[in-house]
Protein backbone atom coordinates (compact mmCIF):
# COMPACT_ATOMS: atom_id res chain seq x y z
CA MET A 1 -9.03 -4.17 -28.28
CA GLU A 2 -6.31 -6.03 -30.09
CA VAL A 3 -5.94 -9.69 -29.16
CA ILE A 4 -2.58 -10.00 -27.42
CA VAL A 5 -0.95 -13.41 -27.05
CA LEU A 6 1.22 -13.67 -23.98
CA GLU A 7 3.77 -15.86 -25.76
CA SER A 8 4.51 -12.84 -27.99
CA ILE A 9 5.14 -10.50 -25.05
CA ASP A 10 8.69 -9.51 -24.19
CA TRP A 11 8.67 -10.67 -20.57
CA SER A 12 12.09 -9.18 -19.97
CA GLN A 13 10.66 -5.74 -20.74
CA VAL A 14 7.60 -6.42 -18.59
CA ASN A 15 9.68 -7.52 -15.62
CA TRP A 16 12.03 -4.55 -15.90
CA SER A 17 8.98 -2.25 -16.04
CA ARG A 18 7.60 -3.92 -12.94
CA GLY A 19 10.97 -3.61 -11.26
CA GLN A 20 11.23 0.07 -12.08
CA PHE A 21 7.76 0.79 -10.74
CA ALA A 22 8.46 -1.25 -7.60
CA LEU A 23 11.74 0.62 -7.08
CA THR A 24 10.00 3.99 -7.35
CA ALA A 25 7.09 2.94 -5.14
CA MET A 26 9.31 1.53 -2.40
CA TYR A 27 11.50 4.64 -2.31
CA HIS A 28 8.38 6.84 -2.33
CA TRP A 29 6.92 4.88 0.57
CA ILE A 30 10.00 5.68 2.65
CA PHE A 31 8.85 9.30 2.74
CA VAL A 32 5.05 9.13 2.58
CA PRO A 33 4.20 7.40 5.90
CA LEU A 34 6.44 9.81 7.81
CA THR A 35 4.59 12.72 6.19
CA LEU A 36 1.18 11.26 7.08
CA GLY A 37 1.94 10.68 10.75
CA LEU A 38 4.34 13.51 11.53
CA SER A 39 1.86 16.07 10.21
CA PHE A 40 -0.63 15.05 12.92
CA LEU A 41 2.07 14.97 15.59
CA LEU A 42 2.97 18.56 14.62
CA ALA A 43 -0.68 19.50 15.06
CA PHE A 44 -0.73 17.87 18.50
CA PHE A 45 2.50 19.57 19.58
CA GLU A 46 1.32 22.99 18.43
CA SER A 47 -2.11 22.53 20.00
CA ILE A 48 -0.39 21.99 23.35
CA TYR A 49 1.69 25.13 22.76
CA VAL A 50 -1.36 27.26 21.96
CA LYS A 51 -3.25 25.82 24.93
CA THR A 52 -0.44 26.27 27.48
CA GLY A 53 1.45 29.24 26.04
CA ASP A 54 4.71 27.47 26.96
CA GLU A 55 7.37 28.65 24.49
CA ARG A 56 9.27 25.40 24.93
CA TRP A 57 6.42 23.59 23.17
CA LYS A 58 6.76 26.10 20.34
CA ALA A 59 10.48 25.35 20.03
CA LEU A 60 9.68 21.64 20.07
CA THR A 61 7.08 22.06 17.32
CA LYS A 62 9.41 24.11 15.13
CA PHE A 63 12.15 21.50 15.47
CA TRP A 64 9.94 18.63 14.28
CA MET A 65 8.46 20.91 11.61
CA LYS A 66 11.87 21.34 9.97
CA LEU A 67 12.31 17.58 9.77
CA PHE A 68 8.80 17.29 8.36
CA ALA A 69 9.56 19.87 5.65
CA ILE A 70 12.71 18.04 4.53
CA ASN A 71 10.83 14.76 4.23
CA PHE A 72 7.82 16.38 2.56
CA ALA A 73 9.89 17.95 -0.23
CA ILE A 74 11.64 14.73 -1.22
CA GLY A 75 8.41 12.75 -0.95
CA VAL A 76 6.77 15.06 -3.49
CA ALA A 77 9.65 14.54 -5.93
CA THR A 78 9.42 10.75 -5.84
CA GLY A 79 5.63 10.87 -6.02
CA LEU A 80 5.66 12.91 -9.23
CA ILE A 81 8.00 10.41 -10.88
CA LEU A 82 5.75 7.56 -9.77
CA GLU A 83 2.70 9.10 -11.45
CA PHE A 84 4.60 9.86 -14.65
CA GLN A 85 5.51 6.19 -14.98
CA PHE A 86 1.86 5.32 -15.60
CA GLY A 87 2.18 7.17 -18.89
CA THR A 88 5.71 6.12 -19.83
CA ASN A 89 5.88 2.45 -18.82
CA TRP A 90 2.22 1.48 -18.49
CA SER A 91 0.47 3.25 -21.37
CA ASN A 92 -1.87 0.33 -22.15
CA TYR A 93 -2.96 0.34 -18.53
CA SER A 94 -3.42 4.13 -18.58
CA TRP A 95 -5.47 3.93 -21.77
CA MET A 96 -7.76 1.16 -20.58
CA VAL A 97 -8.44 2.40 -17.03
CA GLY A 98 -7.58 6.10 -17.21
CA ASP A 99 -11.25 7.09 -16.98
CA ILE A 100 -11.46 5.48 -13.53
CA PHE A 101 -7.92 5.56 -12.21
CA GLY A 102 -7.39 9.16 -13.31
CA ALA A 103 -10.41 10.55 -11.45
CA PRO A 104 -9.17 10.01 -7.86
CA LEU A 105 -5.64 11.07 -8.83
CA ALA A 106 -7.02 14.28 -10.38
CA ILE A 107 -9.05 15.00 -7.23
CA GLU A 108 -5.94 14.33 -5.15
CA GLY A 109 -3.92 16.84 -7.16
CA ILE A 110 -6.58 19.53 -7.52
CA PHE A 111 -8.04 19.42 -4.03
CA ALA A 112 -6.00 17.58 -1.43
CA PHE A 113 -2.46 18.40 -2.59
CA PHE A 114 -3.26 22.09 -3.14
CA LEU A 115 -4.89 22.25 0.29
CA GLU A 116 -1.78 20.73 1.80
CA ALA A 117 0.66 22.87 -0.20
CA THR A 118 -1.19 26.15 0.41
CA PHE A 119 -1.31 25.82 4.17
CA PHE A 120 2.20 24.34 4.26
CA ALA A 121 3.58 27.77 3.32
CA VAL A 122 1.67 29.41 6.17
CA MET A 123 2.65 26.67 8.60
CA PHE A 124 6.35 26.78 7.82
CA PHE A 125 6.88 30.51 7.18
CA GLY A 126 4.00 32.03 9.13
CA TRP A 127 5.41 31.91 12.66
CA ASP A 128 4.88 35.36 14.26
CA ARG A 129 3.37 36.61 10.97
CA VAL A 130 -0.15 35.30 11.56
CA SER A 131 -2.06 34.77 14.77
CA LYS A 132 -1.41 31.70 16.89
CA LYS A 133 -4.84 30.27 16.17
CA PHE A 134 -4.59 30.75 12.41
CA HIS A 135 -1.15 29.19 12.40
CA LEU A 136 -2.50 26.23 14.35
CA PHE A 137 -5.38 25.99 11.89
CA SER A 138 -2.85 25.90 9.03
CA THR A 139 -0.93 23.08 10.70
CA TRP A 140 -4.11 21.06 11.09
CA MET A 141 -5.01 21.72 7.43
CA VAL A 142 -1.62 20.40 6.34
CA ALA A 143 -2.23 17.21 8.33
CA ILE A 144 -5.74 16.80 6.93
CA GLY A 145 -4.59 17.62 3.38
CA ALA A 146 -1.73 15.13 3.51
CA ASN A 147 -4.04 12.34 4.61
CA LEU A 148 -6.71 13.32 2.08
CA SER A 149 -4.04 12.94 -0.59
CA ALA A 150 -3.45 9.44 0.70
CA LEU A 151 -7.20 8.75 0.60
CA TRP A 152 -7.54 9.42 -3.12
CA ILE A 153 -4.38 7.56 -4.05
CA LEU A 154 -5.45 4.55 -2.00
CA VAL A 155 -8.95 4.69 -3.51
CA ALA A 156 -7.27 4.27 -6.89
CA ASN A 157 -5.13 1.43 -5.56
CA GLY A 158 -8.12 -0.20 -3.89
CA TRP A 159 -9.95 -0.20 -7.21
CA MET A 160 -7.02 -2.07 -8.77
CA GLN A 161 -7.42 -4.72 -6.06
CA ASN A 162 -11.20 -4.96 -6.49
CA PRO A 163 -12.57 -3.22 -9.62
CA VAL A 164 -16.10 -1.97 -8.93
CA GLY A 165 -18.32 0.84 -10.16
CA MET A 166 -17.21 0.51 -13.79
CA VAL A 167 -18.33 -0.80 -17.13
CA PHE A 168 -16.28 -1.94 -20.12
CA ASN A 169 -16.97 0.03 -23.29
CA PRO A 170 -16.48 -2.34 -26.26
CA ASP A 171 -16.29 0.55 -28.74
CA THR A 172 -13.27 2.19 -27.08
CA ALA A 173 -11.84 -0.91 -25.32
CA ARG A 174 -11.74 1.04 -22.07
CA PHE A 175 -13.07 0.59 -18.57
CA GLU A 176 -15.26 3.60 -17.78
CA MET A 177 -16.61 5.03 -14.56
CA GLU A 178 -20.22 4.03 -13.95
CA ASN A 179 -20.62 4.77 -10.23
CA PHE A 180 -18.13 7.14 -8.59
CA TRP A 181 -19.51 6.48 -5.12
CA ALA A 182 -19.04 2.73 -5.54
CA VAL A 183 -15.38 3.34 -6.35
CA LEU A 184 -14.95 5.72 -3.41
CA GLY A 185 -16.91 3.57 -0.97
CA SER A 186 -15.38 0.24 -1.97
CA PRO A 187 -14.46 -1.78 1.14
CA SER A 188 -11.09 -2.53 -0.48
CA ALA A 189 -10.37 1.18 -0.88
CA LEU A 190 -11.51 2.22 2.59
CA SER A 191 -9.71 -0.61 4.39
CA ARG A 192 -6.55 0.13 2.41
CA PHE A 193 -6.78 3.80 3.40
CA THR A 194 -7.30 3.19 7.10
CA HIS A 195 -4.63 0.50 7.28
CA ALA A 196 -2.00 2.43 5.31
CA THR A 197 -2.53 5.74 7.12
CA SER A 198 -2.50 4.14 10.57
CA SER A 199 0.75 2.38 9.64
CA GLY A 200 2.09 5.82 8.73
CA PHE A 201 1.05 7.13 12.15
CA VAL A 202 2.95 4.29 13.82
CA LEU A 203 6.06 4.94 11.73
CA ALA A 204 6.01 8.67 12.52
CA ALA A 205 5.68 7.90 16.24
CA LEU A 206 8.68 5.57 15.95
CA PHE A 207 10.63 8.32 14.18
CA VAL A 208 9.96 10.83 16.97
CA VAL A 209 10.79 8.18 19.57
CA ALA A 210 14.04 7.23 17.82
CA VAL A 211 15.32 10.81 17.56
CA SER A 212 14.26 11.57 21.14
CA CYS A 213 15.96 8.43 22.46
CA TRP A 214 19.10 9.47 20.60
CA PHE A 215 19.01 12.84 22.37
CA LEU A 216 18.70 11.11 25.75
CA LEU A 217 21.60 8.79 24.93
CA ARG A 218 23.68 11.92 24.20
CA ASP A 219 22.31 13.72 27.27
CA ARG A 220 20.98 16.58 25.10
CA HIS A 221 17.64 18.35 24.81
CA LYS A 222 16.20 16.18 27.53
CA LEU A 223 13.00 18.16 28.04
CA LEU A 224 12.21 18.12 24.32
CA ALA A 225 12.97 14.40 24.15
CA LYS A 226 10.78 13.44 27.11
CA ARG A 227 7.84 15.55 26.00
CA SER A 228 8.11 14.24 22.46
CA ILE A 229 8.27 10.64 23.64
CA VAL A 230 5.16 10.99 25.81
CA VAL A 231 3.04 12.42 22.98
CA ALA A 232 4.49 10.07 20.35
CA CYS A 233 3.96 6.99 22.52
CA VAL A 234 0.31 7.83 23.18
CA PHE A 235 -0.27 8.54 19.48
CA GLY A 236 1.71 5.47 18.42
CA PHE A 237 0.01 3.12 20.88
CA ILE A 238 -3.50 4.17 19.85
CA SER A 239 -2.53 3.98 16.16
CA SER A 240 -0.91 0.55 16.51
CA VAL A 241 -3.96 -0.88 18.27
CA TYR A 242 -6.19 0.52 15.54
CA LEU A 243 -3.73 -0.79 12.94
CA ALA A 244 -4.24 -4.33 14.22
CA GLY A 245 -8.02 -3.96 13.97
CA SER A 246 -7.87 -2.51 10.46
CA GLY A 247 -5.51 -5.32 9.49
CA ASP A 248 -8.10 -7.88 10.55
CA GLU A 249 -10.73 -6.14 8.43
CA SER A 250 -8.32 -5.92 5.50
CA GLY A 251 -7.72 -9.66 5.75
CA HIS A 252 -11.46 -10.30 5.64
CA ILE A 253 -11.88 -8.11 2.56
CA VAL A 254 -8.94 -9.81 0.83
CA ALA A 255 -10.58 -13.18 1.49
CA GLN A 256 -13.75 -12.02 -0.23
CA ALA A 257 -12.22 -10.14 -3.20
CA GLN A 258 -8.82 -11.83 -3.65
CA PRO A 259 -8.95 -15.39 -2.29
CA MET A 260 -5.85 -16.36 -4.29
CA LYS A 261 -3.85 -13.71 -2.45
CA LEU A 262 -5.07 -14.98 0.93
CA ALA A 263 -4.17 -18.57 0.03
CA ALA A 264 -0.66 -17.47 -1.00
CA ILE A 265 -0.22 -15.44 2.21
CA GLU A 266 -1.11 -18.50 4.26
CA GLY A 267 0.71 -21.04 2.11
CA LEU A 268 -2.62 -22.86 1.93
CA TYR A 269 -2.74 -25.34 -0.95
CA ASP A 270 -5.79 -27.42 -0.01
CA GLY A 271 -8.91 -25.76 1.28
CA GLU A 272 -10.21 -26.55 4.74
CA VAL A 273 -13.36 -26.23 6.78
CA GLY A 274 -12.50 -24.63 10.10
CA SER A 275 -9.08 -23.59 8.79
CA GLY A 276 -6.41 -22.47 11.23
CA LEU A 277 -4.38 -19.28 10.89
CA ASN A 278 -0.68 -19.91 10.39
CA VAL A 279 1.16 -17.86 13.02
CA PHE A 280 4.63 -19.05 12.11
CA GLY A 281 5.96 -21.62 9.69
CA ILE A 282 8.67 -22.66 7.28
CA LEU A 283 7.61 -23.33 3.69
CA ARG A 284 8.84 -26.20 1.55
CA GLY A 285 10.73 -24.59 -1.29
CA ASP A 286 10.05 -27.49 -3.67
CA LYS A 287 6.31 -27.65 -3.07
CA GLN A 288 4.32 -27.89 -6.33
CA LEU A 289 0.66 -27.14 -6.83
CA ASP A 290 -0.45 -30.72 -7.49
CA ASP A 291 1.93 -32.80 -5.41
CA ASP A 292 1.00 -34.37 -2.07
CA GLN A 293 3.79 -32.84 0.02
CA SER A 294 2.91 -30.81 3.06
CA PRO A 295 3.43 -27.13 2.16
CA HIS A 296 5.31 -26.50 5.45
CA TYR A 297 8.24 -28.10 7.20
CA PHE A 298 6.78 -26.65 10.36
CA ALA A 299 3.67 -24.60 11.11
CA LEU A 300 2.17 -23.16 14.29
CA GLU A 301 -1.53 -22.45 13.86
CA ILE A 302 -4.39 -20.85 15.75
CA PRO A 303 -7.29 -23.30 15.23
CA TYR A 304 -10.30 -21.99 13.23
CA ALA A 305 -8.85 -18.45 13.10
CA LEU A 306 -8.42 -18.29 9.31
CA SER A 307 -12.02 -19.38 8.72
CA PHE A 308 -13.18 -16.66 11.10
CA LEU A 309 -10.93 -14.06 9.46
CA ALA A 310 -12.09 -14.97 5.97
CA ASN A 311 -15.82 -15.45 6.50
CA ARG A 312 -16.56 -14.50 10.12
CA ASP A 313 -17.53 -18.14 10.70
CA ILE A 314 -15.17 -20.59 12.41
CA ASN A 315 -16.70 -23.53 10.54
CA SER A 316 -16.57 -22.00 7.06
CA PHE A 317 -14.56 -23.30 4.11
CA VAL A 318 -11.41 -21.40 3.07
CA PRO A 319 -10.20 -22.37 -0.44
CA GLY A 320 -6.56 -23.19 -1.04
CA LEU A 321 -4.43 -22.57 -4.10
CA ARG A 322 -5.30 -25.96 -5.60
CA ASP A 323 -9.05 -25.34 -5.18
CA LEU A 324 -8.78 -21.93 -6.80
CA VAL A 325 -6.65 -23.09 -9.72
CA ARG A 326 -8.17 -26.53 -10.43
CA GLY A 327 -11.68 -25.70 -9.27
CA ASN A 328 -13.88 -27.19 -6.57
CA GLU A 329 -17.42 -28.13 -7.59
CA GLU A 330 -18.52 -28.89 -4.04
CA HIS A 331 -17.88 -25.28 -3.02
CA GLY A 332 -18.82 -23.69 -6.35
CA ILE A 333 -15.29 -22.63 -7.33
CA ILE A 334 -14.63 -22.33 -11.07
CA SER A 335 -11.23 -23.51 -12.27
CA VAL A 336 -8.76 -21.07 -13.78
CA GLU A 337 -8.83 -23.21 -16.95
CA GLN A 338 -12.56 -22.56 -17.29
CA LYS A 339 -12.04 -18.85 -16.63
CA MET A 340 -9.36 -18.82 -19.33
CA GLN A 341 -11.80 -20.38 -21.77
CA ASN A 342 -14.43 -17.80 -20.84
CA GLY A 343 -11.87 -15.03 -21.17
CA ARG A 344 -10.80 -16.18 -24.62
CA GLN A 345 -14.44 -16.30 -25.65
CA ALA A 346 -14.81 -12.71 -24.43
CA VAL A 347 -11.72 -11.58 -26.35
CA SER A 348 -12.92 -13.33 -29.52
CA ALA A 349 -16.43 -11.91 -29.17
CA LEU A 350 -15.00 -8.43 -28.69
CA ALA A 351 -12.91 -8.78 -31.85
CA ALA A 352 -16.01 -10.04 -33.73
CA TYR A 353 -18.05 -7.08 -32.41
CA LYS A 354 -15.52 -4.54 -33.60
CA ALA A 355 -15.24 -6.22 -37.01
CA ALA A 356 -19.05 -6.29 -37.41
CA ARG A 357 -19.33 -2.61 -36.45
CA LYS A 358 -16.63 -1.73 -38.93
CA ASN A 359 -18.50 -3.62 -41.68
CA GLY A 360 -21.85 -2.07 -40.73
CA ASP A 361 -23.43 -5.43 -39.75
CA GLU A 362 -25.43 -4.34 -36.72
CA GLY A 363 -27.11 -7.72 -36.22
CA ALA A 364 -23.80 -9.56 -36.02
CA ALA A 365 -22.44 -6.81 -33.78
CA GLN A 366 -25.27 -7.23 -31.27
CA THR A 367 -24.87 -11.02 -31.26
CA ALA A 368 -21.13 -10.68 -30.60
CA LEU A 369 -21.81 -8.09 -27.90
CA ARG A 370 -24.20 -10.42 -26.06
CA ASP A 371 -21.57 -13.16 -26.23
CA PHE A 372 -18.97 -10.75 -24.86
CA ARG A 373 -21.15 -9.64 -21.96
CA ALA A 374 -21.82 -13.26 -21.03
CA HIS A 375 -18.09 -13.91 -20.54
CA GLU A 376 -16.90 -10.40 -19.69
CA GLN A 377 -16.19 -11.04 -15.99
CA HIS A 378 -13.31 -13.34 -16.95
CA LEU A 379 -11.89 -11.09 -19.67
CA GLY A 380 -8.42 -10.86 -18.16
CA TYR A 381 -8.04 -14.64 -17.93
CA GLY A 382 -8.21 -14.80 -21.70
CA TYR A 383 -4.65 -13.50 -21.83
CA LEU A 384 -3.14 -16.17 -19.57
CA THR A 385 -1.34 -19.09 -21.18
CA HIS A 386 -1.55 -21.64 -18.36
CA PRO A 387 -3.56 -21.80 -15.11
CA GLU A 388 -0.54 -21.66 -12.79
CA GLN A 389 0.09 -18.09 -13.93
CA ALA A 390 -2.79 -17.02 -11.69
CA VAL A 391 -0.82 -17.97 -8.54
CA PRO A 392 1.20 -15.13 -6.97
CA PRO A 393 4.67 -15.78 -5.46
CA VAL A 394 3.89 -17.82 -2.34
CA ALA A 395 7.11 -17.57 -0.33
CA LEU A 396 7.50 -13.80 -0.67
CA ASN A 397 3.90 -13.19 0.42
CA PHE A 398 4.05 -15.78 3.21
CA TYR A 399 7.18 -14.45 4.91
CA SER A 400 6.48 -10.75 4.27
CA PHE A 401 3.09 -11.06 5.91
CA ARG A 402 4.51 -12.70 9.03
CA ILE A 403 7.24 -10.09 9.41
CA MET A 404 4.62 -7.34 9.17
CA VAL A 405 2.27 -8.96 11.69
CA ALA A 406 5.01 -9.83 14.19
CA LEU A 407 6.25 -6.24 14.20
CA GLY A 408 2.68 -5.01 14.42
CA PHE A 409 2.34 -6.79 17.78
CA PHE A 410 5.76 -5.56 18.94
CA PHE A 411 5.16 -1.83 18.42
CA PRO A 412 2.30 -1.25 20.91
CA LEU A 413 4.31 -3.09 23.56
CA LEU A 414 7.30 -0.85 22.84
CA PHE A 415 5.20 2.32 23.07
CA ALA A 416 3.67 1.20 26.37
CA VAL A 417 7.06 0.40 27.93
CA LEU A 418 8.64 3.66 26.75
CA PHE A 419 5.69 5.67 28.04
CA TYR A 420 5.87 3.99 31.44
CA TYR A 421 9.63 4.45 31.79
CA THR A 422 9.35 8.11 30.76
CA LEU A 423 6.63 8.89 33.31
CA LYS A 424 8.69 7.16 36.00
CA SER A 425 11.77 9.22 35.00
CA ARG A 426 13.72 6.00 34.40
CA LEU A 427 14.09 6.08 30.61
CA ALA A 428 17.22 8.26 30.57
CA HIS A 429 18.92 5.75 32.86
CA THR A 430 17.99 2.67 30.78
CA PRO A 431 20.43 2.60 27.83
CA TRP A 432 19.23 -0.73 26.41
CA LEU A 433 15.68 0.62 26.10
CA LEU A 434 16.92 3.84 24.50
CA TRP A 435 18.89 1.87 21.92
CA LEU A 436 15.82 -0.28 21.28
CA GLY A 437 13.83 2.91 20.68
CA VAL A 438 16.41 4.08 18.13
CA PHE A 439 16.65 0.74 16.34
CA SER A 440 12.87 0.28 16.20
CA LEU A 441 12.64 3.02 13.57
CA PHE A 442 14.25 0.62 11.08
CA LEU A 443 11.80 -2.08 12.15
CA GLY A 444 9.00 0.37 11.41
CA TYR A 445 10.25 0.85 7.86
CA LEU A 446 10.61 -2.92 7.47
CA ALA A 447 7.00 -3.47 8.55
CA SER A 448 5.79 -0.73 6.23
CA GLN A 449 7.62 -2.08 3.19
CA THR A 450 6.62 -5.71 3.77
CA GLY A 451 3.00 -4.60 4.04
CA TRP A 452 3.14 -3.14 0.55
CA ILE A 453 4.90 -6.23 -0.75
CA VAL A 454 1.94 -8.31 0.43
CA ALA A 455 -0.55 -5.85 -1.08
CA GLU A 456 1.06 -5.58 -4.50
CA VAL A 457 2.94 -8.84 -5.06
CA GLY A 458 -0.08 -10.70 -3.73
CA ARG A 459 -2.16 -9.25 -6.58
CA GLN A 460 0.09 -10.70 -9.29
CA PRO A 461 -0.26 -11.50 -12.15
CA TRP A 462 -2.86 -8.74 -12.33
CA ALA A 463 -2.53 -5.02 -12.91
CA ILE A 464 -6.31 -4.91 -12.41
CA GLN A 465 -7.53 -7.89 -10.40
CA GLY A 466 -9.00 -10.47 -12.78
CA MET A 467 -9.37 -7.98 -15.63
CA LEU A 468 -5.94 -6.92 -16.90
CA PRO A 469 -2.68 -8.90 -16.55
CA VAL A 470 0.57 -6.97 -16.17
CA GLY A 471 1.84 -8.48 -19.42
CA VAL A 472 -0.87 -6.64 -21.35
CA ALA A 473 -0.61 -3.38 -19.36
CA THR A 474 2.88 -2.21 -20.33
CA SER A 475 4.03 0.28 -22.95
CA ASN A 476 5.63 -0.65 -26.26
CA LEU A 477 9.19 0.02 -25.09
CA THR A 478 12.41 -1.87 -25.61
CA THR A 479 13.98 -3.73 -22.71
CA GLY A 480 17.10 -1.63 -23.05
CA ALA A 481 15.15 1.62 -22.65
CA VAL A 482 13.49 0.41 -19.47
CA GLN A 483 16.78 -0.92 -18.09
CA THR A 484 18.43 2.45 -18.70
CA THR A 485 15.74 4.40 -16.88
CA PHE A 486 15.68 1.79 -14.09
CA TRP A 487 19.32 2.44 -13.26
CA MET A 488 18.89 6.20 -13.70
CA PHE A 489 16.07 6.21 -11.16
CA ALA A 490 17.95 3.86 -8.85
CA VAL A 491 20.88 6.29 -8.74
CA LEU A 492 18.62 9.35 -8.46
CA PHE A 493 16.52 7.93 -5.62
CA THR A 494 19.58 6.73 -3.75
CA ILE A 495 21.08 10.22 -4.00
CA LEU A 496 17.82 11.74 -2.75
CA LEU A 497 17.70 9.29 0.15
CA ILE A 498 21.31 9.98 1.11
CA ALA A 499 20.63 13.71 0.85
CA GLU A 500 17.61 13.44 3.11
CA ILE A 501 19.49 11.39 5.68
CA ARG A 502 22.39 13.87 5.70
CA ILE A 503 20.13 16.91 5.98
CA MET A 504 18.01 15.20 8.62
CA THR A 505 20.98 14.11 10.72
CA ARG A 506 22.51 17.58 10.48
CA GLN A 507 19.28 19.19 11.59
CA ILE A 508 18.93 16.67 14.42
CA SER A 509 22.48 17.35 15.55
CA LEU A 510 21.69 21.07 15.69
CA GLY A 511 18.58 20.39 17.76
CA PRO A 512 15.89 22.98 18.51
CA GLU A 513 16.64 26.67 18.26
CA GLU A 514 16.02 27.18 21.94
CA GLU A 515 15.12 25.16 25.00
């Protein structure tokens, strides 16, 4: 692997590449969670139809299925572009981790996506052409296939957050798969899957609720709206409760694998024993790592909760940003400066190994290899230029996390109230609650997007946590080329989003084919 000095990197090109990938990912995530959750709601609706034989449930299912199909098609388009960008904008990343990252993506494409796509055709076009039970089976397979696709993609993402089950090959300068089951069973991957999919379930429930509330406000399709709200509220309430539990587990895993991310999320600069969880606060914008200012103008905390979240012990020590950057001997925390020294030693030893192998000096090669293995765990730090680079953006993580959590507590309450008012036949006569149901769809998207901001921005400056900085992961492209494609994609995705909204709203205005 060539020694890359970060001062020589074109950071404008890197940042535009990051911006382009973030743009694509955020647009893609507008469509994906709706696909994940609405597919299961379709299965529930059709199961009720098959069980009861009530044709009105069939009309209801077909109506939501059309909206699902519109969203599914555009989601696939953005997803393909997202995967292509690994090769175009992040070729160094793709070369170094393709053996690991490519495996779950290949399984997703070969198995899960084809399962989903095959049964999608039967589900959408097979009404009255196949038996009721086989059609229902196809709908369930679409739901399972869509969420299996998410599993493999999130396994790949989880590995980026906590690289396990791999070994670095010094001859090829690549990370290679050593234990597939360790990658698949990584707590980071599994918690990311359960948390992301359950957030998709909540968003889909909010979508069904929003459209149904709109129908009630317009005094149209009232039976469809009420039935849809009841099922969506039950599904959404259960999913939102589970989402809170999976969020707690995700926080615990982040504390173990990515303590710097947790410290940034909390705005915690100095570690504490029995640390409290910051429920709400306002950060000081001028706070520096080594000054003595309080990091918050105001903070409301739950005593001991952060220590329990991080270590399942209310009296445990939670390191802050200063501990993690400067080191803390009392708690066995190595400074970033020391990790940088180790990383540079690993980079130098790797260069010496390759030179010795090229010259046929096997003894020198083995000595260099032993030196490399001794410092390998801090390889990525060898490419940093100063310790503060290891700190992710604090304010963006801090506020995004609190928006996500606050909305996460709001949604189950909303589902419960809507369910109660519907059963009591009072919802149609409560305009303020109907408008709240419509508006909450946008809150659902806000919660979903802020969650991914925390997950991905909180990992910075790493493409692979601790092993590969983003500055080393990009392709050898000019800034102008990346800027051009950024604006091309921005226009394309905006057109696709507008097209989806127009097609969706038109289909919603038409309503079901029959009552």
